Structure formats: structure tokens, C-alpha cells
Amino acid sequence: MARDFYHDVVRYALESEGWKITHDPFPLNIGNIGYEIDLGAEKLLAAEKNQVKIAVEIKSFTGPSDINEFHRAMGQFNDYFVALEIIEPDRILFLAIPEEIWIGFFQERAIQRAVERIGAKIIVYNPVDKTIAKWIK
């Protein structure tokens, strides 16, 4: 499976925030169907004394059409969400997108509605600073 252009950036940003990368990629198999989410990570929340587990699908939006990239991202997110519900329902799925795409394309009314409809949780990353700019739950 080909990695997204900013795969290493997102991995570095998560690790910088204290996330332990447990899978790269995170494989999911249901019957004869196999998926690979870009990253699996865990973090111990000391205040709550429990571990949070996430899966992160990274999108770079470097193609010629943002809407085509969006359609692909939403389709993958939905498939992975269903697979995680079956196999590992306590793991939270996030879609990671570049900050520039969040500020522009993702502020369009139809895009916001689509994201809300499927309940996508989003990590906004800054590819230049190699940081997480926002967590949107």
C-alpha cells in the first residue's frame, strides 16, 4: 500500500504529542476483506488512568481535485469505521488532513455537512511545522 505524501509528518507530530505508534500500518481483516489504516497509536491518560487507542487515516490532498480526494477519504473513513466497530470498537478513528485544506476546502458548507453526517473525527496537521494544529471531535 502506498503511503500518503505526509505520512511521516503526521507520525512525527503524533509522537511529539506523546502518542506511541503501535501499528504502521494498522491491519484490519474481516472475513475475506483486508484493510490497512495508516497508523494505530495509543496514549496513557494519567489523570484518568486509562489508555486511549486511535487509528489514523492520513490524507495529503495533493491530487488535482480536492473533491475527488474528499470522496476517496470519506469512503475509506466509512469503511474503516465499520471495520473498527466490528473488530476493535474502543479504538477511535481519525482522518488526518493538512491545515491548509481544513482552513479552505473543509469550511465549505457541503463538506462540513458531509463530515458531520458520518461523524468523522479529524486531526488537522501542519506539514511545514510537523505539528498537530487541531483535534476536532
N, C-alpha and C. Protein backbone atom coordinates (compact mmCIF):
# COMPACT_ATOMS: atom_id res chain seq x y z
N MET A 1 0.84 -1.18 0.00
CA MET A 1 0.00 0.00 0.00
C MET A 1 0.89 1.24 0.00
N ALA A 2 0.58 2.18 -0.88
CA ALA A 2 1.36 3.41 -0.98
C ALA A 2 1.03 4.34 0.19
N ARG A 3 2.05 4.96 0.71
CA ARG A 3 1.86 5.91 1.82
C ARG A 3 1.49 7.28 1.27
N ASP A 4 0.70 7.98 2.05
CA ASP A 4 0.37 9.35 1.69
C ASP A 4 1.62 10.21 1.81
N PHE A 5 1.64 11.29 1.07
CA PHE A 5 2.80 12.17 0.99
C PHE A 5 3.26 12.65 2.37
N TYR A 6 2.31 12.95 3.25
CA TYR A 6 2.65 13.49 4.58
C TYR A 6 2.60 12.45 5.70
N HIS A 7 2.68 11.18 5.35
CA HIS A 7 2.61 10.10 6.34
C HIS A 7 3.61 10.31 7.48
N ASP A 8 4.87 10.50 7.13
CA ASP A 8 5.91 10.64 8.16
C ASP A 8 5.73 11.90 8.99
N VAL A 9 5.19 12.94 8.39
CA VAL A 9 4.93 14.19 9.11
C VAL A 9 3.91 13.95 10.21
N VAL A 10 2.82 13.27 9.87
CA VAL A 10 1.76 13.00 10.85
C VAL A 10 2.27 12.07 11.94
N ARG A 11 3.01 11.06 11.54
CA ARG A 11 3.57 10.15 12.54
C ARG A 11 4.45 10.92 13.53
N TYR A 12 5.35 11.75 13.03
CA TYR A 12 6.23 12.55 13.87
C TYR A 12 5.43 13.47 14.79
N ALA A 13 4.39 14.12 14.24
CA ALA A 13 3.57 15.04 15.04
C ALA A 13 2.86 14.31 16.17
N LEU A 14 2.34 13.13 15.89
CA LEU A 14 1.68 12.34 16.94
C LEU A 14 2.68 11.93 18.02
N GLU A 15 3.82 11.45 17.59
CA GLU A 15 4.85 11.04 18.56
C GLU A 15 5.30 12.23 19.41
N SER A 16 5.37 13.40 18.81
CA SER A 16 5.77 14.61 19.54
C SER A 16 4.74 14.98 20.60
N GLU A 17 3.48 14.57 20.40
CA GLU A 17 2.43 14.84 21.39
C GLU A 17 2.30 13.70 22.40
N GLY A 18 3.21 12.75 22.36
CA GLY A 18 3.21 11.68 23.36
C GLY A 18 2.48 10.41 22.96
N TRP A 19 2.06 10.31 21.70
CA TRP A 19 1.40 9.09 21.23
C TRP A 19 2.45 8.04 20.90
N LYS A 20 2.17 6.81 21.28
CA LYS A 20 3.04 5.68 20.93
C LYS A 20 2.44 5.02 19.69
N ILE A 21 3.19 5.01 18.61
CA ILE A 21 2.72 4.37 17.38
C ILE A 21 2.84 2.86 17.57
N THR A 22 1.72 2.18 17.49
CA THR A 22 1.70 0.73 17.70
C THR A 22 1.60 -0.05 16.40
N HIS A 23 1.11 0.60 15.36
CA HIS A 23 0.94 -0.05 14.06
C HIS A 23 1.23 0.95 12.94
N ASP A 24 1.99 0.52 11.94
CA ASP A 24 2.28 1.36 10.78
C ASP A 24 2.55 0.45 9.58
N PRO A 25 1.47 0.04 8.92
CA PRO A 25 0.06 0.40 9.04
C PRO A 25 -0.68 -0.47 10.06
N PHE A 26 -1.94 -0.11 10.27
CA PHE A 26 -2.82 -0.84 11.19
C PHE A 26 -3.71 -1.77 10.35
N PRO A 27 -3.44 -3.09 10.38
CA PRO A 27 -4.21 -4.01 9.54
C PRO A 27 -5.54 -4.41 10.18
N LEU A 28 -6.56 -4.50 9.35
CA LEU A 28 -7.88 -4.98 9.78
C LEU A 28 -8.35 -6.03 8.79
N ASN A 29 -8.73 -7.17 9.29
CA ASN A 29 -9.26 -8.23 8.42
C ASN A 29 -10.62 -8.68 8.92
N ILE A 30 -11.59 -8.64 8.04
CA ILE A 30 -12.94 -9.10 8.35
C ILE A 30 -13.34 -10.06 7.24
N GLY A 31 -13.40 -11.34 7.60
CA GLY A 31 -13.68 -12.34 6.57
C GLY A 31 -12.60 -12.30 5.51
N ASN A 32 -13.00 -12.16 4.26
CA ASN A 32 -12.05 -12.10 3.15
C ASN A 32 -11.62 -10.69 2.79
N ILE A 33 -12.05 -9.72 3.57
CA ILE A 33 -11.73 -8.33 3.27
C ILE A 33 -10.62 -7.85 4.20
N GLY A 34 -9.58 -7.28 3.58
CA GLY A 34 -8.47 -6.75 4.35
C GLY A 34 -8.32 -5.26 4.12
N TYR A 35 -8.12 -4.53 5.20
CA TYR A 35 -7.92 -3.08 5.14
C TYR A 35 -6.59 -2.75 5.80
N GLU A 36 -6.05 -1.58 5.48
CA GLU A 36 -4.88 -1.07 6.17
C GLU A 36 -5.10 0.41 6.45
N ILE A 37 -5.33 0.74 7.71
CA ILE A 37 -5.41 2.13 8.12
C ILE A 37 -3.96 2.59 8.32
N ASP A 38 -3.68 3.84 8.03
CA ASP A 38 -2.30 4.30 8.02
C ASP A 38 -1.55 4.09 9.34
N LEU A 39 -2.16 4.46 10.46
CA LEU A 39 -1.47 4.35 11.75
C LEU A 39 -2.41 3.88 12.86
N GLY A 40 -1.85 3.16 13.79
CA GLY A 40 -2.51 2.87 15.06
C GLY A 40 -1.64 3.46 16.15
N ALA A 41 -2.26 4.06 17.16
CA ALA A 41 -1.48 4.69 18.23
C ALA A 41 -2.22 4.57 19.56
N GLU A 42 -1.45 4.69 20.64
CA GLU A 42 -2.01 4.62 21.99
C GLU A 42 -1.37 5.71 22.85
N LYS A 43 -2.13 6.16 23.83
CA LYS A 43 -1.61 7.15 24.76
C LYS A 43 -2.25 6.91 26.12
N LEU A 44 -1.44 6.91 27.15
CA LEU A 44 -1.93 6.75 28.51
C LEU A 44 -2.34 8.12 29.04
N LEU A 45 -3.58 8.23 29.45
CA LEU A 45 -4.06 9.46 30.07
C LEU A 45 -3.91 9.30 31.58
N ALA A 46 -2.86 9.90 32.11
CA ALA A 46 -2.51 9.71 33.52
C ALA A 46 -3.64 10.14 34.45
N ALA A 47 -4.30 11.22 34.14
CA ALA A 47 -5.37 11.73 35.02
C ALA A 47 -6.51 10.73 35.13
N GLU A 48 -6.79 10.04 34.03
CA GLU A 48 -7.90 9.08 34.04
C GLU A 48 -7.43 7.65 34.25
N LYS A 49 -6.12 7.44 34.19
CA LYS A 49 -5.51 6.13 34.34
C LYS A 49 -6.07 5.10 33.37
N ASN A 50 -6.34 5.54 32.16
CA ASN A 50 -6.73 4.59 31.13
C ASN A 50 -6.06 4.96 29.82
N GLN A 51 -6.07 4.01 28.93
CA GLN A 51 -5.38 4.17 27.68
C GLN A 51 -6.36 4.51 26.56
N VAL A 52 -6.01 5.48 25.75
CA VAL A 52 -6.81 5.86 24.59
C VAL A 52 -6.12 5.25 23.37
N LYS A 53 -6.90 4.57 22.54
CA LYS A 53 -6.36 3.98 21.33
C LYS A 53 -7.03 4.65 20.13
N ILE A 54 -6.20 5.02 19.16
CA ILE A 54 -6.73 5.65 17.96
C ILE A 54 -6.19 4.94 16.72
N ALA A 55 -6.89 5.14 15.63
CA ALA A 55 -6.42 4.76 14.30
C ALA A 55 -6.50 6.03 13.47
N VAL A 56 -5.51 6.24 12.62
CA VAL A 56 -5.45 7.49 11.87
C VAL A 56 -5.29 7.19 10.38
N GLU A 57 -6.24 7.67 9.60
CA GLU A 57 -6.15 7.61 8.15
C GLU A 57 -5.65 8.97 7.68
N ILE A 58 -4.47 8.98 7.07
CA ILE A 58 -3.82 10.22 6.67
C ILE A 58 -4.17 10.54 5.22
N LYS A 59 -4.54 11.78 4.99
CA LYS A 59 -4.80 12.25 3.64
C LYS A 59 -3.99 13.51 3.41
N SER A 60 -3.35 13.58 2.26
CA SER A 60 -2.49 14.71 1.92
C SER A 60 -3.17 15.74 1.03
N PHE A 61 -4.20 15.34 0.31
CA PHE A 61 -4.90 16.24 -0.61
C PHE A 61 -3.91 16.90 -1.58
N THR A 62 -3.04 16.10 -2.19
CA THR A 62 -2.07 16.62 -3.14
C THR A 62 -2.49 16.38 -4.59
N GLY A 63 -3.64 15.71 -4.80
CA GLY A 63 -4.10 15.43 -6.16
C GLY A 63 -4.68 16.67 -6.83
N PRO A 64 -5.04 16.52 -8.09
CA PRO A 64 -5.55 17.68 -8.85
C PRO A 64 -6.95 18.13 -8.46
N SER A 65 -7.72 17.30 -7.76
CA SER A 65 -9.10 17.64 -7.42
C SER A 65 -9.38 17.38 -5.94
N ASP A 66 -9.63 18.46 -5.20
CA ASP A 66 -9.94 18.30 -3.78
C ASP A 66 -11.21 17.48 -3.57
N ILE A 67 -12.20 17.65 -4.42
CA ILE A 67 -13.45 16.90 -4.24
C ILE A 67 -13.23 15.41 -4.48
N ASN A 68 -12.40 15.05 -5.44
CA ASN A 68 -12.11 13.62 -5.64
C ASN A 68 -11.33 13.05 -4.46
N GLU A 69 -10.40 13.83 -3.94
CA GLU A 69 -9.65 13.40 -2.75
C GLU A 69 -10.60 13.24 -1.57
N PHE A 70 -11.54 14.16 -1.45
CA PHE A 70 -12.52 14.12 -0.37
C PHE A 70 -13.41 12.87 -0.48
N HIS A 71 -13.89 12.58 -1.67
CA HIS A 71 -14.73 11.40 -1.87
C HIS A 71 -13.97 10.13 -1.47
N ARG A 72 -12.73 10.05 -1.89
CA ARG A 72 -11.92 8.88 -1.55
C ARG A 72 -11.72 8.79 -0.04
N ALA A 73 -11.41 9.92 0.58
CA ALA A 73 -11.18 9.95 2.02
C ALA A 73 -12.44 9.54 2.79
N MET A 74 -13.60 10.05 2.41
CA MET A 74 -14.85 9.74 3.10
C MET A 74 -15.22 8.27 2.94
N GLY A 75 -15.00 7.75 1.74
CA GLY A 75 -15.28 6.33 1.51
C GLY A 75 -14.41 5.44 2.36
N GLN A 76 -13.12 5.73 2.39
CA GLN A 76 -12.20 4.95 3.22
C GLN A 76 -12.56 5.10 4.70
N PHE A 77 -12.82 6.32 5.12
CA PHE A 77 -13.16 6.55 6.52
C PHE A 77 -14.37 5.71 6.92
N ASN A 78 -15.40 5.72 6.10
CA ASN A 78 -16.62 4.96 6.40
C ASN A 78 -16.32 3.46 6.49
N ASP A 79 -15.58 2.93 5.52
CA ASP A 79 -15.23 1.50 5.55
C ASP A 79 -14.44 1.15 6.80
N TYR A 80 -13.45 1.97 7.12
CA TYR A 80 -12.62 1.70 8.29
C TYR A 80 -13.40 1.84 9.59
N PHE A 81 -14.31 2.79 9.63
CA PHE A 81 -15.14 2.99 10.82
C PHE A 81 -15.96 1.73 11.10
N VAL A 82 -16.59 1.20 10.05
CA VAL A 82 -17.40 -0.02 10.20
C VAL A 82 -16.52 -1.19 10.63
N ALA A 83 -15.36 -1.34 10.01
CA ALA A 83 -14.47 -2.44 10.37
C ALA A 83 -14.01 -2.34 11.83
N LEU A 84 -13.67 -1.14 12.27
CA LEU A 84 -13.26 -0.97 13.66
C LEU A 84 -14.41 -1.24 14.63
N GLU A 85 -15.62 -0.86 14.25
CA GLU A 85 -16.78 -1.16 15.10
C GLU A 85 -16.91 -2.65 15.34
N ILE A 86 -16.59 -3.45 14.33
CA ILE A 86 -16.70 -4.90 14.44
C ILE A 86 -15.53 -5.49 15.22
N ILE A 87 -14.32 -5.09 14.89
CA ILE A 87 -13.13 -5.74 15.43
C ILE A 87 -12.60 -5.09 16.72
N GLU A 88 -12.57 -3.76 16.75
CA GLU A 88 -11.99 -3.07 17.89
C GLU A 88 -12.76 -1.79 18.18
N PRO A 89 -13.97 -1.92 18.75
CA PRO A 89 -14.85 -0.76 18.91
C PRO A 89 -14.35 0.31 19.87
N ASP A 90 -13.36 -0.01 20.70
CA ASP A 90 -12.84 1.01 21.62
C ASP A 90 -11.77 1.88 20.99
N ARG A 91 -11.36 1.59 19.76
CA ARG A 91 -10.35 2.40 19.06
C ARG A 91 -11.06 3.50 18.28
N ILE A 92 -10.62 4.74 18.44
CA ILE A 92 -11.25 5.89 17.80
C ILE A 92 -10.56 6.18 16.48
N LEU A 93 -11.35 6.31 15.43
CA LEU A 93 -10.82 6.58 14.10
C LEU A 93 -10.79 8.08 13.82
N PHE A 94 -9.65 8.55 13.32
CA PHE A 94 -9.48 9.94 12.93
C PHE A 94 -9.04 10.01 11.47
N LEU A 95 -9.47 11.07 10.81
CA LEU A 95 -9.00 11.41 9.48
C LEU A 95 -8.03 12.58 9.66
N ALA A 96 -6.79 12.42 9.20
CA ALA A 96 -5.79 13.49 9.32
C ALA A 96 -5.69 14.24 8.00
N ILE A 97 -5.85 15.56 8.07
CA ILE A 97 -5.80 16.39 6.86
C ILE A 97 -4.90 17.60 7.08
N PRO A 98 -4.30 18.13 6.00
CA PRO A 98 -3.44 19.30 6.14
C PRO A 98 -4.23 20.54 6.57
N GLU A 99 -3.57 21.41 7.33
CA GLU A 99 -4.21 22.61 7.85
C GLU A 99 -4.77 23.50 6.72
N GLU A 100 -4.05 23.63 5.64
CA GLU A 100 -4.50 24.45 4.51
C GLU A 100 -5.83 23.94 3.95
N ILE A 101 -6.00 22.63 3.88
CA ILE A 101 -7.25 22.03 3.39
C ILE A 101 -8.36 22.27 4.40
N TRP A 102 -8.05 22.18 5.69
CA TRP A 102 -9.05 22.44 6.73
C TRP A 102 -9.54 23.89 6.66
N ILE A 103 -8.61 24.81 6.54
CA ILE A 103 -8.95 26.24 6.52
C ILE A 103 -9.77 26.61 5.29
N GLY A 104 -9.49 25.98 4.17
CA GLY A 104 -10.17 26.32 2.92
C GLY A 104 -11.31 25.36 2.59
N PHE A 105 -10.96 24.28 1.94
CA PHE A 105 -11.94 23.33 1.39
C PHE A 105 -12.91 22.79 2.45
N PHE A 106 -12.41 22.45 3.62
CA PHE A 106 -13.27 21.84 4.65
C PHE A 106 -14.21 22.84 5.32
N GLN A 107 -14.11 24.12 4.98
CA GLN A 107 -15.04 25.11 5.52
C GLN A 107 -16.25 25.30 4.61
N GLU A 108 -16.24 24.67 3.46
CA GLU A 108 -17.40 24.73 2.58
C GLU A 108 -18.59 24.05 3.26
N ARG A 109 -19.74 24.65 3.12
CA ARG A 109 -20.94 24.17 3.81
C ARG A 109 -21.25 22.69 3.51
N ALA A 110 -21.19 22.30 2.25
CA ALA A 110 -21.50 20.92 1.88
C ALA A 110 -20.47 19.94 2.45
N ILE A 111 -19.23 20.36 2.51
CA ILE A 111 -18.18 19.50 3.05
C ILE A 111 -18.38 19.33 4.56
N GLN A 112 -18.66 20.43 5.25
CA GLN A 112 -18.92 20.34 6.69
C GLN A 112 -20.10 19.43 6.99
N ARG A 113 -21.14 19.55 6.20
CA ARG A 113 -22.33 18.71 6.41
C ARG A 113 -22.00 17.24 6.20
N ALA A 114 -21.21 16.95 5.16
CA ALA A 114 -20.83 15.56 4.89
C ALA A 114 -19.99 14.98 6.03
N VAL A 115 -19.08 15.77 6.54
CA VAL A 115 -18.23 15.33 7.65
C VAL A 115 -19.09 15.08 8.90
N GLU A 116 -20.01 15.99 9.17
CA GLU A 116 -20.92 15.83 10.31
C GLU A 116 -21.79 14.59 10.15
N ARG A 117 -22.27 14.37 8.95
CA ARG A 117 -23.18 13.24 8.70
C ARG A 117 -22.55 11.91 9.04
N ILE A 118 -21.27 11.74 8.70
CA ILE A 118 -20.64 10.46 9.01
C ILE A 118 -19.93 10.47 10.36
N GLY A 119 -19.96 11.61 11.03
CA GLY A 119 -19.36 11.70 12.36
C GLY A 119 -17.85 11.59 12.35
N ALA A 120 -17.21 12.09 11.32
CA ALA A 120 -15.75 11.98 11.22
C ALA A 120 -15.06 12.85 12.26
N LYS A 121 -14.11 12.25 12.93
CA LYS A 121 -13.24 12.97 13.83
C LYS A 121 -11.98 13.31 13.02
N ILE A 122 -11.46 14.52 13.22
CA ILE A 122 -10.40 15.00 12.33
C ILE A 122 -9.19 15.48 13.13
N ILE A 123 -8.03 15.15 12.60
CA ILE A 123 -6.77 15.72 13.07
C ILE A 123 -6.31 16.66 11.96
N VAL A 124 -6.10 17.91 12.33
CA VAL A 124 -5.58 18.89 11.39
C VAL A 124 -4.09 19.03 11.67
N TYR A 125 -3.27 18.75 10.65
CA TYR A 125 -1.83 18.83 10.86
C TYR A 125 -1.21 19.92 10.00
N ASN A 126 -0.11 20.46 10.51
CA ASN A 126 0.66 21.46 9.77
C ASN A 126 1.88 20.75 9.19
N PRO A 127 1.91 20.56 7.87
CA PRO A 127 3.02 19.80 7.28
C PRO A 127 4.36 20.53 7.30
N VAL A 128 4.36 21.85 7.43
CA VAL A 128 5.61 22.60 7.48
C VAL A 128 6.23 22.51 8.87
N ASP A 129 5.41 22.78 9.90
CA ASP A 129 5.90 22.73 11.28
C ASP A 129 5.96 21.31 11.85
N LYS A 130 5.34 20.35 11.14
CA LYS A 130 5.26 18.96 11.59
C LYS A 130 4.60 18.86 12.96
N THR A 131 3.45 19.56 13.07
CA THR A 131 2.70 19.58 14.33
C THR A 131 1.24 19.29 14.07
N ILE A 132 0.54 18.96 15.16
CA ILE A 132 -0.91 18.83 15.10
C ILE A 132 -1.46 20.21 15.44
N ALA A 133 -2.23 20.78 14.51
CA ALA A 133 -2.80 22.11 14.72
C ALA A 133 -4.10 22.03 15.51
N LYS A 134 -4.89 20.97 15.29
CA LYS A 134 -6.20 20.85 15.93
C LYS A 134 -6.65 19.40 15.97
N TRP A 135 -7.38 19.09 17.03
CA TRP A 135 -8.12 17.84 17.13
C TRP A 135 -9.60 18.23 17.08
N ILE A 136 -10.33 17.69 16.14
CA ILE A 136 -11.74 18.02 16.01
C ILE A 136 -12.54 16.74 16.23
N LYS A 137 -13.26 16.75 17.35
CA LYS A 137 -14.02 15.55 17.72
C LYS A 137 -15.47 15.86 17.59
